């Protein structure tokens, strides 16, 4: 709360393990799974960013290993992929017909912060700069609870956002029930 991030952000979204500055004019989307929220995305005018914080070993080196696996996975799906060097080292960059995916990671003490930035062609440099600005202004809270290396750190959805999600899930359930009753 003592930092001024008004150059990039209008506010900070506290997710428990991540304090995430929300870029100006952005929207938060939550991807739902069977057991509740699965993934959080920040949608901007330049594309979509997906932040995730992971538990990591004390020895470090998790990003080098996982970046190789990520790049191999992207290549196996037919996406030309290369490594580029950014402010924190290796970045994975995949180029597809619909746009560019850039994965940036920062390793800290017992944590790894990974940001996936997906941009349409022509906006990839803007989104890469914005993603790096958000990363530089994010705070990761590892906590004291044991979490196996490679697992994502727990995320707490703020109460107002949780209320919106519950309302959306209830509406979705009502629509599903309505469709079921029609059949």
Protein backbone atom coordinates (compact mmCIF):
# COMPACT_ATOMS: atom_id res chain seq x y z
CA UNK A 1 0.00 0.00 0.00
CA UNK A 2 3.00 2.30 0.33
CA UNK A 3 3.84 2.15 -3.36
CA UNK A 4 2.47 4.41 -6.09
CA UNK A 5 1.84 2.41 -9.24
CA UNK A 6 -0.41 5.01 -10.86
CA UNK A 7 1.90 5.07 -13.89
CA UNK A 8 0.52 1.63 -14.85
CA UNK A 9 -2.34 0.78 -12.53
CA UNK A 10 -5.53 2.14 -11.02
CA UNK A 11 -5.47 -0.36 -8.17
CA UNK A 12 -4.07 -3.58 -6.78
CA UNK A 13 -5.95 -6.88 -6.73
CA UNK A 14 -4.92 -8.85 -3.64
CA UNK A 15 -5.17 -12.56 -4.41
CA UNK A 16 -3.44 -13.72 -1.24
CA UNK A 17 -0.32 -15.15 -2.85
CA UNK A 18 -0.12 -12.36 -5.46
CA UNK A 19 -0.70 -8.63 -5.07
CA UNK A 20 -1.38 -7.78 -8.71
CA UNK A 21 -1.50 -4.20 -10.01
CA UNK A 22 -4.38 -4.02 -12.48
CA UNK A 23 -3.44 -2.07 -15.61
CA UNK A 24 -5.55 0.96 -16.43
CA UNK A 25 -8.68 0.16 -18.47
CA UNK A 26 -8.32 -3.58 -17.85
CA UNK A 27 -10.89 -6.17 -16.84
CA UNK A 28 -10.52 -9.28 -14.72
CA UNK A 29 -11.94 -12.52 -16.09
CA UNK A 30 -12.12 -15.68 -14.03
CA UNK A 31 -12.15 -19.01 -15.81
CA UNK A 32 -14.33 -21.44 -13.90
CA UNK A 33 -13.66 -25.13 -13.41
CA UNK A 34 -15.84 -27.82 -11.86
CA UNK A 35 -14.61 -26.97 -8.36
CA UNK A 36 -14.67 -23.19 -8.65
CA UNK A 37 -12.21 -20.64 -10.08
CA UNK A 38 -9.52 -22.26 -12.23
CA UNK A 39 -7.61 -19.36 -13.78
CA UNK A 40 -7.59 -15.58 -13.55
CA UNK A 41 -6.97 -13.44 -16.62
CA UNK A 42 -6.41 -9.70 -16.97
CA UNK A 43 -7.78 -8.43 -20.28
CA UNK A 44 -6.24 -5.24 -21.67
CA UNK A 45 -6.50 -3.30 -24.91
CA UNK A 46 -3.34 -5.14 -26.09
CA UNK A 47 -4.33 -8.70 -25.16
CA UNK A 48 -4.67 -11.00 -22.18
CA UNK A 49 -2.31 -11.68 -19.28
CA UNK A 50 -2.54 -14.70 -17.01
CA UNK A 51 -0.52 -14.49 -13.78
CA UNK A 52 0.30 -17.58 -11.69
CA UNK A 53 2.60 -17.97 -8.69
CA UNK A 54 4.14 -21.38 -7.97
CA UNK A 55 6.00 -22.90 -5.08
CA UNK A 56 9.61 -23.53 -6.09
CA UNK A 57 12.62 -25.30 -4.56
CA UNK A 58 15.16 -23.36 -2.52
CA UNK A 59 17.82 -24.26 -5.07
CA UNK A 60 16.08 -22.36 -7.90
CA UNK A 61 16.37 -23.43 -11.53
CA UNK A 62 12.71 -24.37 -11.89
CA UNK A 63 12.07 -21.87 -14.71
CA UNK A 64 14.85 -23.19 -16.94
CA UNK A 65 13.43 -26.71 -16.72
CA UNK A 66 9.77 -25.73 -17.06
CA UNK A 67 10.47 -23.23 -19.88
CA UNK A 68 12.02 -26.05 -21.93
CA UNK A 69 8.91 -28.20 -21.30
CA UNK A 70 6.56 -25.31 -22.19
CA UNK A 71 8.45 -24.56 -25.42
CA UNK A 72 8.45 -28.24 -26.39
CA UNK A 73 4.70 -28.45 -25.71
CA UNK A 74 4.01 -25.39 -27.87
CA UNK A 75 6.15 -26.79 -30.68
CA UNK A 76 4.38 -30.16 -30.49
CA UNK A 77 1.10 -28.29 -31.08
CA UNK A 78 2.55 -26.76 -34.26
CA UNK A 79 3.46 -23.34 -32.84
CA UNK A 80 6.91 -22.05 -33.83
CA UNK A 81 8.58 -21.20 -30.52
CA UNK A 82 11.84 -19.57 -29.53
CA UNK A 83 13.55 -18.19 -26.45
CA UNK A 84 14.20 -14.48 -26.07
CA UNK A 85 16.00 -12.67 -23.28
CA UNK A 86 14.00 -10.21 -21.19
CA UNK A 87 14.72 -8.28 -17.99
CA UNK A 88 14.57 -11.45 -15.84
CA UNK A 89 16.23 -13.78 -18.33
CA UNK A 90 14.66 -16.38 -20.57
CA UNK A 91 11.21 -15.78 -22.07
CA UNK A 92 9.29 -18.30 -24.16
CA UNK A 93 7.76 -16.77 -27.31
CA UNK A 94 5.37 -18.70 -29.53
CA UNK A 95 4.05 -17.34 -32.82
CA UNK A 96 0.72 -18.60 -34.07
CA UNK A 97 -1.62 -17.53 -36.84
CA UNK A 98 -3.89 -15.76 -34.32
CA UNK A 99 -1.14 -13.99 -32.40
CA UNK A 100 1.86 -14.19 -30.12
CA UNK A 101 2.16 -15.91 -26.74
CA UNK A 102 4.98 -14.73 -24.48
CA UNK A 103 5.68 -16.41 -21.15
CA UNK A 104 7.77 -14.41 -18.71
CA UNK A 105 8.93 -15.75 -15.36
CA UNK A 106 10.72 -14.46 -12.30
CA UNK A 107 12.20 -16.76 -9.65
CA UNK A 108 12.31 -15.65 -6.04
CA UNK A 109 12.99 -17.33 -2.71
CA UNK A 110 10.92 -20.54 -2.89
CA UNK A 111 8.52 -19.15 -5.51
CA UNK A 112 8.24 -18.68 -9.27
CA UNK A 113 5.98 -16.00 -10.76
CA UNK A 114 4.88 -16.70 -14.31
CA UNK A 115 2.95 -14.36 -16.58
CA UNK A 116 1.50 -15.60 -19.87
CA UNK A 117 0.79 -12.75 -22.28
CA UNK A 118 -1.34 -13.51 -25.36
CA UNK A 119 -1.60 -10.72 -27.93
CA UNK A 120 -2.96 -10.41 -31.45
CA UNK A 121 -0.40 -9.68 -34.16
CA UNK A 122 0.71 -6.06 -34.06
CA UNK A 123 0.08 -5.62 -30.33
CA UNK A 124 2.59 -8.13 -28.96
CA UNK A 125 5.30 -5.58 -28.12
CA UNK A 126 2.83 -3.36 -26.26
CA UNK A 127 1.54 -6.31 -24.24
CA UNK A 128 5.07 -7.55 -23.50
CA UNK A 129 5.97 -4.10 -22.11
CA UNK A 130 2.76 -3.96 -20.06
CA UNK A 131 3.25 -7.50 -18.71
CA UNK A 132 6.80 -6.65 -17.64
CA UNK A 133 5.52 -3.49 -15.92
CA UNK A 134 2.88 -5.50 -14.04
CA UNK A 135 5.43 -8.15 -13.03
CA UNK A 136 7.84 -5.49 -11.76
CA UNK A 137 5.09 -4.06 -9.55
CA UNK A 138 3.64 -7.36 -8.30
CA UNK A 139 4.32 -8.83 -4.88
CA UNK A 140 4.45 -12.58 -4.24
CA UNK A 141 3.60 -13.91 -0.78
CA UNK A 142 4.93 -17.45 -0.41
CA UNK A 143 3.40 -17.94 3.03
CA UNK A 144 4.43 -20.52 5.60
CA UNK A 145 2.11 -23.33 4.53
CA UNK A 146 4.03 -26.18 2.87
CA UNK A 147 3.35 -26.37 -0.87
CA UNK A 148 5.16 -28.83 -3.13
CA UNK A 149 7.45 -27.25 -5.69
CA UNK A 150 5.65 -26.88 -9.00
CA UNK A 151 2.19 -26.48 -7.45
CA UNK A 152 0.49 -23.11 -7.70
CA UNK A 153 0.32 -21.03 -4.55
CA UNK A 154 -3.18 -20.63 -3.09
CA UNK A 155 -5.29 -17.80 -4.47
CA UNK A 156 -7.95 -15.97 -2.50
CA UNK A 157 -10.61 -14.30 -4.62
CA UNK A 158 -11.58 -10.93 -3.06
CA UNK A 159 -15.13 -10.82 -1.67
CA UNK A 160 -16.65 -8.48 -4.33
CA UNK A 161 -15.22 -10.59 -7.15
CA UNK A 162 -16.31 -13.81 -5.40
CA UNK A 163 -19.86 -12.43 -5.11
CA UNK A 164 -19.92 -11.69 -8.86
CA UNK A 165 -18.65 -15.21 -9.58
CA UNK A 166 -21.29 -16.78 -7.35
CA UNK A 167 -23.99 -14.77 -9.10
CA UNK A 168 -22.67 -15.80 -12.53
CA UNK A 169 -22.50 -19.47 -11.47
CA UNK A 170 -26.07 -19.31 -10.15
CA UNK A 171 -27.28 -17.79 -13.43
CA UNK A 172 -25.43 -20.47 -15.37
CA UNK A 173 -27.02 -23.18 -13.22
CA UNK A 174 -30.47 -21.63 -13.76
CA UNK A 175 -29.95 -21.58 -17.53
CA UNK A 176 -28.81 -25.21 -17.48
CA UNK A 177 -31.85 -26.19 -15.39
CA UNK A 178 -34.14 -24.24 -17.73
CA UNK A 179 -32.70 -26.02 -20.78
CA UNK A 180 -33.01 -29.37 -19.01
CA UNK A 181 -36.67 -28.68 -18.18
CA UNK A 182 -37.38 -27.79 -21.82
CA UNK A 183 -36.11 -31.20 -22.96
